[in-house]
Amino acid sequence: YFYQQPADGNWDYYKEAFKAGNIGFYMYQCYGGFNDNAE
């Protein structure tokens, strides 16, 4: 069920992938959403 790193993707590909709007859940850390200037 996991959208994995594309062949040409960086190690942190998932940061932009979730924001693209075709993935339901996102496993990450709280600072990525709750902090000022968060991703």
PDB file of all heavy atoms in Angstrom:
ATOM      1  N   TYR A   1       0.799  -1.232   0.000  1.00  0.00           N
ATOM      2  CA  TYR A   1       0.000   0.000   0.000  1.00  0.00           C
ATOM      3  C   TYR A   1       0.830   1.280   0.000  1.00  0.00           C
ATOM      4  O   TYR A   1       0.268   2.374   0.006  1.00  0.00           O
ATOM      5  CB  TYR A   1      -0.919   0.028   1.233  1.00  0.00           C
ATOM      6  CG  TYR A   1      -1.613  -1.272   1.505  1.00  0.00           C
ATOM      7  CD1 TYR A   1      -1.282  -2.036   2.620  1.00  0.00           C
ATOM      8  CD2 TYR A   1      -2.602  -1.753   0.635  1.00  0.00           C
ATOM      9  CE1 TYR A   1      -1.915  -3.242   2.883  1.00  0.00           C
ATOM     10  CE2 TYR A   1      -3.237  -2.964   0.889  1.00  0.00           C
ATOM     11  CZ  TYR A   1      -2.889  -3.698   2.008  1.00  0.00           C
ATOM     12  OH  TYR A   1      -3.519  -4.892   2.249  1.00  0.00           O
ATOM     13  N   PHE A   2       2.135   1.160  -0.007  1.00  0.00           N
ATOM     14  CA  PHE A   2       3.030   2.286   0.229  1.00  0.00           C
ATOM     15  C   PHE A   2       3.557   2.842  -1.090  1.00  0.00           C
ATOM     16  O   PHE A   2       4.127   2.100  -1.903  1.00  0.00           O
ATOM     17  CB  PHE A   2       4.204   1.820   1.096  1.00  0.00           C
ATOM     18  CG  PHE A   2       4.952   2.893   1.823  1.00  0.00           C
ATOM     19  CD1 PHE A   2       4.711   3.140   3.160  1.00  0.00           C
ATOM     20  CD2 PHE A   2       5.942   3.638   1.185  1.00  0.00           C
ATOM     21  CE1 PHE A   2       5.428   4.110   3.855  1.00  0.00           C
ATOM     22  CE2 PHE A   2       6.650   4.604   1.851  1.00  0.00           C
ATOM     23  CZ  PHE A   2       6.400   4.846   3.204  1.00  0.00           C
ATOM     24  N   TYR A   3       3.365   4.145  -1.318  1.00  0.00           N
ATOM     25  CA  TYR A   3       3.967   4.791  -2.484  1.00  0.00           C
ATOM     26  C   TYR A   3       5.446   4.949  -2.208  1.00  0.00           C
ATOM     27  O   TYR A   3       5.867   5.709  -1.338  1.00  0.00           O
ATOM     28  CB  TYR A   3       3.320   6.140  -2.764  1.00  0.00           C
ATOM     29  CG  TYR A   3       3.959   6.867  -3.930  1.00  0.00           C
ATOM     30  CD1 TYR A   3       3.809   6.397  -5.226  1.00  0.00           C
ATOM     31  CD2 TYR A   3       4.727   8.010  -3.727  1.00  0.00           C
ATOM     32  CE1 TYR A   3       4.412   7.039  -6.304  1.00  0.00           C
ATOM     33  CE2 TYR A   3       5.325   8.678  -4.792  1.00  0.00           C
ATOM     34  CZ  TYR A   3       5.167   8.181  -6.079  1.00  0.00           C
ATOM     35  OH  TYR A   3       5.764   8.813  -7.132  1.00  0.00           O
ATOM     36  N   GLN A   4       6.276   4.215  -2.972  1.00  0.00           N
ATOM     37  CA  GLN A   4       7.693   4.119  -2.706  1.00  0.00           C
ATOM     38  C   GLN A   4       8.499   5.093  -3.562  1.00  0.00           C
ATOM     39  O   GLN A   4       7.983   5.716  -4.483  1.00  0.00           O
ATOM     40  CB  GLN A   4       8.157   2.682  -2.937  1.00  0.00           C
ATOM     41  CG  GLN A   4       7.415   1.664  -2.062  1.00  0.00           C
ATOM     42  CD  GLN A   4       7.797   0.235  -2.369  1.00  0.00           C
ATOM     43  OE1 GLN A   4       8.856  -0.036  -2.926  1.00  0.00           O
ATOM     44  NE2 GLN A   4       6.930  -0.705  -1.990  1.00  0.00           N
ATOM     45  N   GLN A   5       9.760   5.183  -3.248  1.00  0.00           N
ATOM     46  CA  GLN A   5      10.651   6.123  -3.915  1.00  0.00           C
ATOM     47  C   GLN A   5      10.760   5.816  -5.415  1.00  0.00           C
ATOM     48  O   GLN A   5      11.130   4.711  -5.802  1.00  0.00           O
ATOM     49  CB  GLN A   5      12.045   6.064  -3.289  1.00  0.00           C
ATOM     50  CG  GLN A   5      13.039   7.041  -3.882  1.00  0.00           C
ATOM     51  CD  GLN A   5      14.381   6.996  -3.163  1.00  0.00           C
ATOM     52  OE1 GLN A   5      14.535   6.329  -2.142  1.00  0.00           O
ATOM     53  NE2 GLN A   5      15.364   7.710  -3.688  1.00  0.00           N
ATOM     54  N   PRO A   6      10.429   6.782  -6.277  1.00  0.00           N
ATOM     55  CA  PRO A   6      10.596   6.575  -7.719  1.00  0.00           C
ATOM     56  C   PRO A   6      12.074   6.417  -8.075  1.00  0.00           C
ATOM     57  O   PRO A   6      12.961   6.818  -7.313  1.00  0.00           O
ATOM     58  CB  PRO A   6      10.026   7.864  -8.328  1.00  0.00           C
ATOM     59  CG  PRO A   6       9.221   8.499  -7.240  1.00  0.00           C
ATOM     60  CD  PRO A   6       9.861   8.099  -5.955  1.00  0.00           C
ATOM     61  N   ALA A   7      12.320   5.851  -9.228  1.00  0.00           N
ATOM     62  CA  ALA A   7      13.699   5.615  -9.657  1.00  0.00           C
ATOM     63  C   ALA A   7      14.508   6.898  -9.701  1.00  0.00           C
ATOM     64  O   ALA A   7      15.714   6.897  -9.436  1.00  0.00           O
ATOM     65  CB  ALA A   7      13.704   4.928 -11.020  1.00  0.00           C
ATOM     66  N   ASP A   8      13.861   8.006 -10.055  1.00  0.00           N
ATOM     67  CA  ASP A   8      14.565   9.283 -10.141  1.00  0.00           C
ATOM     68  C   ASP A   8      14.275  10.196  -8.952  1.00  0.00           C
ATOM     69  O   ASP A   8      14.552  11.400  -9.000  1.00  0.00           O
ATOM     70  CB  ASP A   8      14.174  10.011 -11.432  1.00  0.00           C
ATOM     71  CG  ASP A   8      12.678  10.280 -11.518  1.00  0.00           C
ATOM     72  OD1 ASP A   8      11.919   9.728 -10.683  1.00  0.00           O
ATOM     73  OD2 ASP A   8      12.265  11.037 -12.418  1.00  0.00           O
ATOM     74  N   GLY A   9      13.739   9.637  -7.882  1.00  0.00           N
ATOM     75  CA  GLY A   9      13.359  10.455  -6.737  1.00  0.00           C
ATOM     76  C   GLY A   9      14.457  10.580  -5.698  1.00  0.00           C
ATOM     77  O   GLY A   9      15.316   9.702  -5.565  1.00  0.00           O
ATOM     78  N   ASN A  10      14.443  11.670  -4.953  1.00  0.00           N
ATOM     79  CA  ASN A  10      15.347  11.852  -3.826  1.00  0.00           C
ATOM     80  C   ASN A  10      14.878  11.014  -2.647  1.00  0.00           C
ATOM     81  O   ASN A  10      13.739  10.532  -2.616  1.00  0.00           O
ATOM     82  CB  ASN A  10      15.411  13.324  -3.419  1.00  0.00           C
ATOM     83  CG  ASN A  10      16.006  14.202  -4.498  1.00  0.00           C
ATOM     84  OD1 ASN A  10      16.921  13.789  -5.216  1.00  0.00           O
ATOM     85  ND2 ASN A  10      15.493  15.423  -4.626  1.00  0.00           N
ATOM     86  N   TRP A  11      15.732  10.894  -1.631  1.00  0.00           N
ATOM     87  CA  TRP A  11      15.371  10.092  -0.460  1.00  0.00           C
ATOM     88  C   TRP A  11      14.128  10.633   0.250  1.00  0.00           C
ATOM     89  O   TRP A  11      13.371   9.885   0.854  1.00  0.00           O
ATOM     90  CB  TRP A  11      16.547  10.028   0.527  1.00  0.00           C
ATOM     91  CG  TRP A  11      16.864  11.364   1.169  1.00  0.00           C
ATOM     92  CD1 TRP A  11      17.732  12.299   0.727  1.00  0.00           C
ATOM     93  CD2 TRP A  11      16.272  11.904   2.366  1.00  0.00           C
ATOM     94  NE1 TRP A  11      17.743  13.395   1.560  1.00  0.00           N
ATOM     95  CE2 TRP A  11      16.857  13.179   2.576  1.00  0.00           C
ATOM     96  CE3 TRP A  11      15.325  11.445   3.272  1.00  0.00           C
ATOM     97  CZ2 TRP A  11      16.517  13.986   3.659  1.00  0.00           C
ATOM     98  CZ3 TRP A  11      14.978  12.249   4.360  1.00  0.00           C
ATOM     99  CH2 TRP A  11      15.569  13.503   4.543  1.00  0.00           C
ATOM    100  N   ASP A  12      13.900  11.954   0.153  1.00  0.00           N
ATOM    101  CA  ASP A  12      12.738  12.552   0.810  1.00  0.00           C
ATOM    102  C   ASP A  12      11.620  12.855  -0.185  1.00  0.00           C
ATOM    103  O   ASP A  12      10.855  13.810  -0.008  1.00  0.00           O
ATOM    104  CB  ASP A  12      13.138  13.815   1.564  1.00  0.00           C
ATOM    105  CG  ASP A  12      13.756  14.881   0.664  1.00  0.00           C
ATOM    106  OD1 ASP A  12      14.033  14.579  -0.518  1.00  0.00           O
ATOM    107  OD2 ASP A  12      13.955  16.012   1.138  1.00  0.00           O
ATOM    108  N   TYR A  13      11.508  12.020  -1.200  1.00  0.00           N
ATOM    109  CA  TYR A  13      10.485  12.161  -2.241  1.00  0.00           C
ATOM    110  C   TYR A  13       9.085  12.289  -1.669  1.00  0.00           C
ATOM    111  O   TYR A  13       8.200  12.934  -2.240  1.00  0.00           O
ATOM    112  CB  TYR A  13      10.535  10.923  -3.164  1.00  0.00           C
ATOM    113  CG  TYR A  13      10.024   9.681  -2.472  1.00  0.00           C
ATOM    114  CD1 TYR A  13       8.712   9.258  -2.633  1.00  0.00           C
ATOM    115  CD2 TYR A  13      10.844   8.952  -1.609  1.00  0.00           C
ATOM    116  CE1 TYR A  13       8.225   8.136  -1.975  1.00  0.00           C
ATOM    117  CE2 TYR A  13      10.369   7.847  -0.945  1.00  0.00           C
ATOM    118  CZ  TYR A  13       9.062   7.438  -1.128  1.00  0.00           C
ATOM    119  OH  TYR A  13       8.575   6.343  -0.460  1.00  0.00           O
ATOM    120  N   TYR A  14       8.851  11.640  -0.532  1.00  0.00           N
ATOM    121  CA  TYR A  14       7.501  11.541   0.037  1.00  0.00           C
ATOM    122  C   TYR A  14       6.955  12.888   0.496  1.00  0.00           C
ATOM    123  O   TYR A  14       5.734  13.064   0.594  1.00  0.00           O
ATOM    124  CB  TYR A  14       7.491  10.553   1.200  1.00  0.00           C
ATOM    125  CG  TYR A  14       8.628  10.711   2.190  1.00  0.00           C
ATOM    126  CD1 TYR A  14       8.631  11.708   3.153  1.00  0.00           C
ATOM    127  CD2 TYR A  14       9.709   9.825   2.164  1.00  0.00           C
ATOM    128  CE1 TYR A  14       9.660  11.839   4.055  1.00  0.00           C
ATOM    129  CE2 TYR A  14      10.753   9.943   3.066  1.00  0.00           C
ATOM    130  CZ  TYR A  14      10.726  10.950   4.017  1.00  0.00           C
ATOM    131  OH  TYR A  14      11.762  11.083   4.913  1.00  0.00           O
ATOM    132  N   LYS A  15       7.842  13.860   0.781  1.00  0.00           N
ATOM    133  CA  LYS A  15       7.368  15.155   1.274  1.00  0.00           C
ATOM    134  C   LYS A  15       6.494  15.856   0.236  1.00  0.00           C
ATOM    135  O   LYS A  15       5.453  16.427   0.574  1.00  0.00           O
ATOM    136  CB  LYS A  15       8.561  16.025   1.668  1.00  0.00           C
ATOM    137  CG  LYS A  15       9.364  15.454   2.827  1.00  0.00           C
ATOM    138  CD  LYS A  15      10.560  16.343   3.178  1.00  0.00           C
ATOM    139  CE  LYS A  15      11.366  15.758   4.307  1.00  0.00           C
ATOM    140  NZ  LYS A  15      12.532  16.604   4.670  1.00  0.00           N
ATOM    141  N   GLU A  16       6.928  15.832  -1.007  1.00  0.00           N
ATOM    142  CA  GLU A  16       6.123  16.434  -2.075  1.00  0.00           C
ATOM    143  C   GLU A  16       5.037  15.476  -2.557  1.00  0.00           C
ATOM    144  O   GLU A  16       3.977  15.910  -2.999  1.00  0.00           O
ATOM    145  CB  GLU A  16       7.018  16.854  -3.236  1.00  0.00           C
ATOM    146  CG  GLU A  16       7.985  17.975  -2.905  1.00  0.00           C
ATOM    147  CD  GLU A  16       7.271  19.232  -2.423  1.00  0.00           C
ATOM    148  OE1 GLU A  16       6.219  19.591  -3.008  1.00  0.00           O
ATOM    149  OE2 GLU A  16       7.757  19.860  -1.460  1.00  0.00           O
ATOM    150  N   ALA A  17       5.310  14.175  -2.469  1.00  0.00           N
ATOM    151  CA  ALA A  17       4.339  13.193  -2.962  1.00  0.00           C
ATOM    152  C   ALA A  17       3.025  13.278  -2.193  1.00  0.00           C
ATOM    153  O   ALA A  17       1.939  13.229  -2.801  1.00  0.00           O
ATOM    154  CB  ALA A  17       4.921  11.781  -2.850  1.00  0.00           C
ATOM    155  N   PHE A  18       3.095  13.409  -0.882  1.00  0.00           N
ATOM    156  CA  PHE A  18       1.845  13.478  -0.118  1.00  0.00           C
ATOM    157  C   PHE A  18       1.076  14.747  -0.441  1.00  0.00           C
ATOM    158  O   PHE A  18      -0.157  14.738  -0.559  1.00  0.00           O
ATOM    159  CB  PHE A  18       2.146  13.418   1.379  1.00  0.00           C
ATOM    160  CG  PHE A  18       0.911  13.493   2.241  1.00  0.00           C
ATOM    161  CD1 PHE A  18      -0.049  12.509   2.195  1.00  0.00           C
ATOM    162  CD2 PHE A  18       0.712  14.575   3.091  1.00  0.00           C
ATOM    163  CE1 PHE A  18      -1.203  12.576   2.985  1.00  0.00           C
ATOM    164  CE2 PHE A  18      -0.425  14.655   3.881  1.00  0.00           C
ATOM    165  CZ  PHE A  18      -1.386  13.659   3.830  1.00  0.00           C
ATOM    166  N   LYS A  19       1.795  15.849  -0.603  1.00  0.00           N
ATOM    167  CA  LYS A  19       1.123  17.121  -0.900  1.00  0.00           C
ATOM    168  C   LYS A  19       0.479  17.122  -2.286  1.00  0.00           C
ATOM    169  O   LYS A  19      -0.395  17.949  -2.564  1.00  0.00           O
ATOM    170  CB  LYS A  19       2.114  18.280  -0.776  1.00  0.00           C
ATOM    171  CG  LYS A  19       2.566  18.526   0.656  1.00  0.00           C
ATOM    172  CD  LYS A  19       3.322  19.829   0.811  1.00  0.00           C
ATOM    173  CE  LYS A  19       4.679  19.788   0.167  1.00  0.00           C
ATOM    174  NZ  LYS A  19       5.449  21.027   0.439  1.00  0.00           N
ATOM    175  N   ALA A  20       0.880  16.191  -3.171  1.00  0.00           N
ATOM    176  CA  ALA A  20       0.319  16.155  -4.529  1.00  0.00           C
ATOM    177  C   ALA A  20      -1.144  15.748  -4.540  1.00  0.00           C
ATOM    178  O   ALA A  20      -1.861  16.036  -5.511  1.00  0.00           O
ATOM    179  CB  ALA A  20       1.137  15.203  -5.402  1.00  0.00           C
ATOM    180  N   GLY A  21      -1.604  15.059  -3.503  1.00  0.00           N
ATOM    181  CA  GLY A  21      -3.040  14.833  -3.368  1.00  0.00           C
ATOM    182  C   GLY A  21      -3.581  13.518  -3.890  1.00  0.00           C
ATOM    183  O   GLY A  21      -4.781  13.432  -4.171  1.00  0.00           O
ATOM    184  N   ASN A  22      -2.755  12.483  -3.977  1.00  0.00           N
ATOM    185  CA  ASN A  22      -3.272  11.178  -4.394  1.00  0.00           C
ATOM    186  C   ASN A  22      -2.856  10.067  -3.429  1.00  0.00           C
ATOM    187  O   ASN A  22      -2.761   8.901  -3.805  1.00  0.00           O
ATOM    188  CB  ASN A  22      -2.809  10.835  -5.816  1.00  0.00           C
ATOM    189  CG  ASN A  22      -1.301  10.706  -5.927  1.00  0.00           C
ATOM    190  OD1 ASN A  22      -0.569  11.257  -5.103  1.00  0.00           O
ATOM    191  ND2 ASN A  22      -0.841   9.988  -6.934  1.00  0.00           N
ATOM    192  N   ILE A  23      -2.599  10.451  -2.167  1.00  0.00           N
ATOM    193  CA  ILE A  23      -2.201   9.495  -1.126  1.00  0.00           C
ATOM    194  C   ILE A  23      -3.026   9.777   0.125  1.00  0.00           C
ATOM    195  O   ILE A  23      -3.201  10.930   0.523  1.00  0.00           O
ATOM    196  CB  ILE A  23      -0.692   9.624  -0.818  1.00  0.00           C
ATOM    197  CG1 ILE A  23       0.132   9.353  -2.090  1.00  0.00           C
ATOM    198  CG2 ILE A  23      -0.290   8.664   0.294  1.00  0.00           C
ATOM    199  CD1 ILE A  23       1.606   9.662  -1.952  1.00  0.00           C
ATOM    200  N   GLY A  24      -3.511   8.710   0.749  1.00  0.00           N
ATOM    201  CA  GLY A  24      -4.401   8.881   1.900  1.00  0.00           C
ATOM    202  C   GLY A  24      -3.698   9.239   3.184  1.00  0.00           C
ATOM    203  O   GLY A  24      -4.067  10.204   3.863  1.00  0.00           O
ATOM    204  N   PHE A  25      -2.663   8.456   3.567  1.00  0.00           N
ATOM    205  CA  PHE A  25      -1.981   8.636   4.847  1.00  0.00           C
ATOM    206  C   PHE A  25      -0.506   8.947   4.632  1.00  0.00           C
ATOM    207  O   PHE A  25       0.090   8.563   3.614  1.00  0.00           O
ATOM    208  CB  PHE A  25      -2.107   7.370   5.705  1.00  0.00           C
ATOM    209  CG  PHE A  25      -3.489   7.135   6.249  1.00  0.00           C
ATOM    210  CD1 PHE A  25      -4.391   6.333   5.552  1.00  0.00           C
ATOM    211  CD2 PHE A  25      -3.893   7.683   7.457  1.00  0.00           C
ATOM    212  CE1 PHE A  25      -5.662   6.096   6.055  1.00  0.00           C
ATOM    213  CE2 PHE A  25      -5.157   7.451   7.964  1.00  0.00           C
ATOM    214  CZ  PHE A  25      -6.051   6.653   7.263  1.00  0.00           C
ATOM    215  N   TYR A  26       0.066   9.604   5.616  1.00  0.00           N
ATOM    216  CA  TYR A  26       1.457  10.068   5.528  1.00  0.00           C
ATOM    217  C   TYR A  26       2.129   9.829   6.864  1.00  0.00           C
ATOM    218  O   TYR A  26       1.767  10.429   7.884  1.00  0.00           O
ATOM    219  CB  TYR A  26       1.461  11.546   5.174  1.00  0.00           C
ATOM    220  CG  TYR A  26       2.804  12.219   5.059  1.00  0.00           C
ATOM    221  CD1 TYR A  26       3.853  11.646   4.348  1.00  0.00           C
ATOM    222  CD2 TYR A  26       3.019  13.475   5.639  1.00  0.00           C
ATOM    223  CE1 TYR A  26       5.078  12.294   4.220  1.00  0.00           C
ATOM    224  CE2 TYR A  26       4.236  14.137   5.514  1.00  0.00           C
ATOM    225  CZ  TYR A  26       5.256  13.540   4.801  1.00  0.00           C
ATOM    226  OH  TYR A  26       6.472  14.184   4.676  1.00  0.00           O
ATOM    227  N   MET A  27       3.122   8.933   6.899  1.00  0.00           N
ATOM    228  CA  MET A  27       3.872   8.632   8.113  1.00  0.00           C
ATOM    229  C   MET A  27       5.066   9.562   8.207  1.00  0.00           C
ATOM    230  O   MET A  27       5.975   9.520   7.370  1.00  0.00           O
ATOM    231  CB  MET A  27       4.350   7.175   8.070  1.00  0.00           C
ATOM    232  CG  MET A  27       5.045   6.720   9.337  1.00  0.00           C
ATOM    233  SD  MET A  27       3.859   6.505  10.668  1.00  0.00           S
ATOM    234  CE  MET A  27       4.927   6.614  12.106  1.00  0.00           C
ATOM    235  N   TYR A  28       5.041  10.426   9.218  1.00  0.00           N
ATOM    236  CA  TYR A  28       6.155  11.363   9.362  1.00  0.00           C
ATOM    237  C   TYR A  28       6.197  11.839  10.804  1.00  0.00           C
ATOM    238  O   TYR A  28       5.571  11.236  11.689  1.00  0.00           O
ATOM    239  CB  TYR A  28       5.999  12.516   8.369  1.00  0.00           C
ATOM    240  CG  TYR A  28       7.284  13.296   8.135  1.00  0.00           C
ATOM    241  CD1 TYR A  28       8.468  12.638   7.837  1.00  0.00           C
ATOM    242  CD2 TYR A  28       7.315  14.688   8.223  1.00  0.00           C
ATOM    243  CE1 TYR A  28       9.655  13.343   7.625  1.00  0.00           C
ATOM    244  CE2 TYR A  28       8.495  15.395   8.009  1.00  0.00           C
ATOM    245  CZ  TYR A  28       9.654  14.710   7.714  1.00  0.00           C
ATOM    246  OH  TYR A  28      10.825  15.404   7.505  1.00  0.00           O
ATOM    247  N   GLN A  29       6.920  12.927  11.035  1.00  0.00           N
ATOM    248  CA  GLN A  29       7.076  13.444  12.381  1.00  0.00           C
ATOM    249  C   GLN A  29       6.268  14.725  12.559  1.00  0.00           C
ATOM    250  O   GLN A  29       5.945  15.419  11.595  1.00  0.00           O
ATOM    251  CB  GLN A  29       8.550  13.678  12.681  1.00  0.00           C
ATOM    252  CG  GLN A  29       9.368  12.420  12.480  1.00  0.00           C
ATOM    253  CD  GLN A  29      10.558  12.309  13.412  1.00  0.00           C
ATOM    254  OE1 GLN A  29      10.783  13.129  14.298  1.00  0.00           O
ATOM    255  NE2 GLN A  29      11.329  11.248  13.226  1.00  0.00           N
ATOM    256  N   CYS A  30       5.971  15.034  13.807  1.00  0.00           N
ATOM    257  CA  CYS A  30       5.055  16.137  14.094  1.00  0.00           C
ATOM    258  C   CYS A  30       5.566  17.483  13.589  1.00  0.00           C
ATOM    259  O   CYS A  30       4.771  18.346  13.216  1.00  0.00           O
ATOM    260  CB  CYS A  30       4.781  16.208  15.596  1.00  0.00           C
ATOM    261  SG  CYS A  30       3.644  14.936  16.199  1.00  0.00           S
ATOM    262  N   TYR A  31       6.877  17.676  13.588  1.00  0.00           N
ATOM    263  CA  TYR A  31       7.378  18.974  13.153  1.00  0.00           C
ATOM    264  C   TYR A  31       7.075  19.238  11.684  1.00  0.00           C
ATOM    265  O   TYR A  31       7.060  20.380  11.238  1.00  0.00           O
ATOM    266  CB  TYR A  31       8.871  19.124  13.430  1.00  0.00           C
ATOM    267  CG  TYR A  31       9.781  18.105  12.775  1.00  0.00           C
ATOM    268  CD1 TYR A  31      10.025  18.107  11.409  1.00  0.00           C
ATOM    269  CD2 TYR A  31      10.416  17.135  13.557  1.00  0.00           C
ATOM    270  CE1 TYR A  31      10.864  17.167  10.817  1.00  0.00           C
ATOM    271  CE2 TYR A  31      11.253  16.189  12.970  1.00  0.00           C
ATOM    272  CZ  TYR A  31      11.475  16.216  11.605  1.00  0.00           C
ATOM    273  OH  TYR A  31      12.309  15.278  11.030  1.00  0.00           O
ATOM    274  N   GLY A  32       6.820  18.185  10.892  1.00  0.00           N
ATOM    275  CA  GLY A  32       6.530  18.368   9.477  1.00  0.00           C
ATOM    276  C   GLY A  32       5.189  19.005   9.197  1.00  0.00           C
ATOM    277  O   GLY A  32       4.951  19.497   8.082  1.00  0.00           O
ATOM    278  N   GLY A  33       4.309  19.041  10.198  1.00  0.00           N
ATOM    279  CA  GLY A  33       3.001  19.637   9.992  1.00  0.00           C
ATOM    280  C   GLY A  33       2.649  20.730  10.976  1.00  0.00           C
ATOM    281  O   GLY A  33       1.966  21.691  10.630  1.00  0.00           O
ATOM    282  N   PHE A  34       3.120  20.609  12.221  1.00  0.00           N
ATOM    283  CA  PHE A  34       2.649  21.494  13.286  1.00  0.00           C
ATOM    284  C   PHE A  34       3.561  22.690  13.551  1.00  0.00           C
ATOM    285  O   PHE A  34       3.179  23.596  14.278  1.00  0.00           O
ATOM    286  CB  PHE A  34       2.493  20.699  14.584  1.00  0.00           C
ATOM    287  CG  PHE A  34       1.348  19.720  14.570  1.00  0.00           C
ATOM    288  CD1 PHE A  34       1.555  18.394  14.222  1.00  0.00           C
ATOM    289  CD2 PHE A  34       0.060  20.117  14.903  1.00  0.00           C
ATOM    290  CE1 PHE A  34       0.512  17.475  14.223  1.00  0.00           C
ATOM    291  CE2 PHE A  34      -0.987  19.218  14.909  1.00  0.00           C
ATOM    292  CZ  PHE A  34      -0.766  17.897  14.561  1.00  0.00           C
ATOM    293  N   ASN A  35       4.766  22.693  13.029  1.00  0.00           N
ATOM    294  CA  ASN A  35       5.699  23.785  13.310  1.00  0.00           C
ATOM    295  C   ASN A  35       5.561  24.924  12.305  1.00  0.00           C
ATOM    296  O   ASN A  35       5.083  24.724  11.190  1.00  0.00           O
ATOM    297  CB  ASN A  35       7.140  23.270  13.300  1.00  0.00           C
ATOM    298  CG  ASN A  35       7.451  22.388  14.500  1.00  0.00           C
ATOM    299  OD1 ASN A  35       6.556  21.967  15.218  1.00  0.00           O
ATOM    300  ND2 ASN A  35       8.715  22.099  14.697  1.00  0.00           N
ATOM    301  N   ASP A  36       6.011  26.103  12.713  1.00  0.00           N
ATOM    302  CA  ASP A  36       6.059  27.234  11.783  1.00  0.00           C
ATOM    303  C   ASP A  36       6.903  26.864  10.566  1.00  0.00           C
ATOM    304  O   ASP A  36       7.946  26.217  10.690  1.00  0.00           O
ATOM    305  CB  ASP A  36       6.672  28.462  12.466  1.00  0.00           C
ATOM    306  CG  ASP A  36       5.742  29.055  13.516  1.00  0.00           C
ATOM    307  OD1 ASP A  36       4.524  28.862  13.402  1.00  0.00           O
ATOM    308  OD2 ASP A  36       6.254  29.697  14.455  1.00  0.00           O
ATOM    309  N   ASN A  37       6.451  27.283   9.402  1.00  0.00           N
ATOM    310  CA  ASN A  37       7.147  27.001   8.141  1.00  0.00           C
ATOM    311  C   ASN A  37       7.317  25.505   7.893  1.00  0.00           C
ATOM    312  O   ASN A  37       8.277  25.063   7.254  1.00  0.00           O
ATOM    313  CB  ASN A  37       8.525  27.679   8.106  1.00  0.00           C
ATOM    314  CG  ASN A  37       8.423  29.175   8.282  1.00  0.00           C
ATOM    315  OD1 ASN A  37       7.595  29.827   7.644  1.00  0.00           O
ATOM    316  ND2 ASN A  37       9.248  29.733   9.151  1.00  0.00           N
ATOM    317  N   ALA A  38       6.389  24.695   8.419  1.00  0.00           N
ATOM    318  CA  ALA A  38       6.460  23.250   8.240  1.00  0.00           C
ATOM    319  C   ALA A  38       6.199  22.876   6.787  1.00  0.00           C
ATOM    320  O   ALA A  38       5.652  23.658   5.997  1.00  0.00           O
ATOM    321  CB  ALA A  38       5.449  22.555   9.151  1.00  0.00           C
ATOM    322  N   GLU A  39       6.584  21.652   6.446  1.00  0.00           N
ATOM    323  CA  GLU A  39       6.496  21.202   5.067  1.00  0.00           C
ATOM    324  C   GLU A  39       5.064  21.130   4.555  1.00  0.00           C
ATOM    325  O   GLU A  39       4.818  21.261   3.354  1.00  0.00           O
ATOM    326  CB  GLU A  39       7.177  19.836   4.947  1.00  0.00           C
ATOM    327  CG  GLU A  39       8.685  19.914   5.172  1.00  0.00           C
ATOM    328  CD  GLU A  39       9.242  18.699   5.881  1.00  0.00           C
ATOM    329  OE1 GLU A  39       8.501  17.722   6.067  1.00  0.00           O
ATOM    330  OE2 GLU A  39      10.433  18.728   6.238  1.00  0.00           O
TER     331      GLU A  39
END
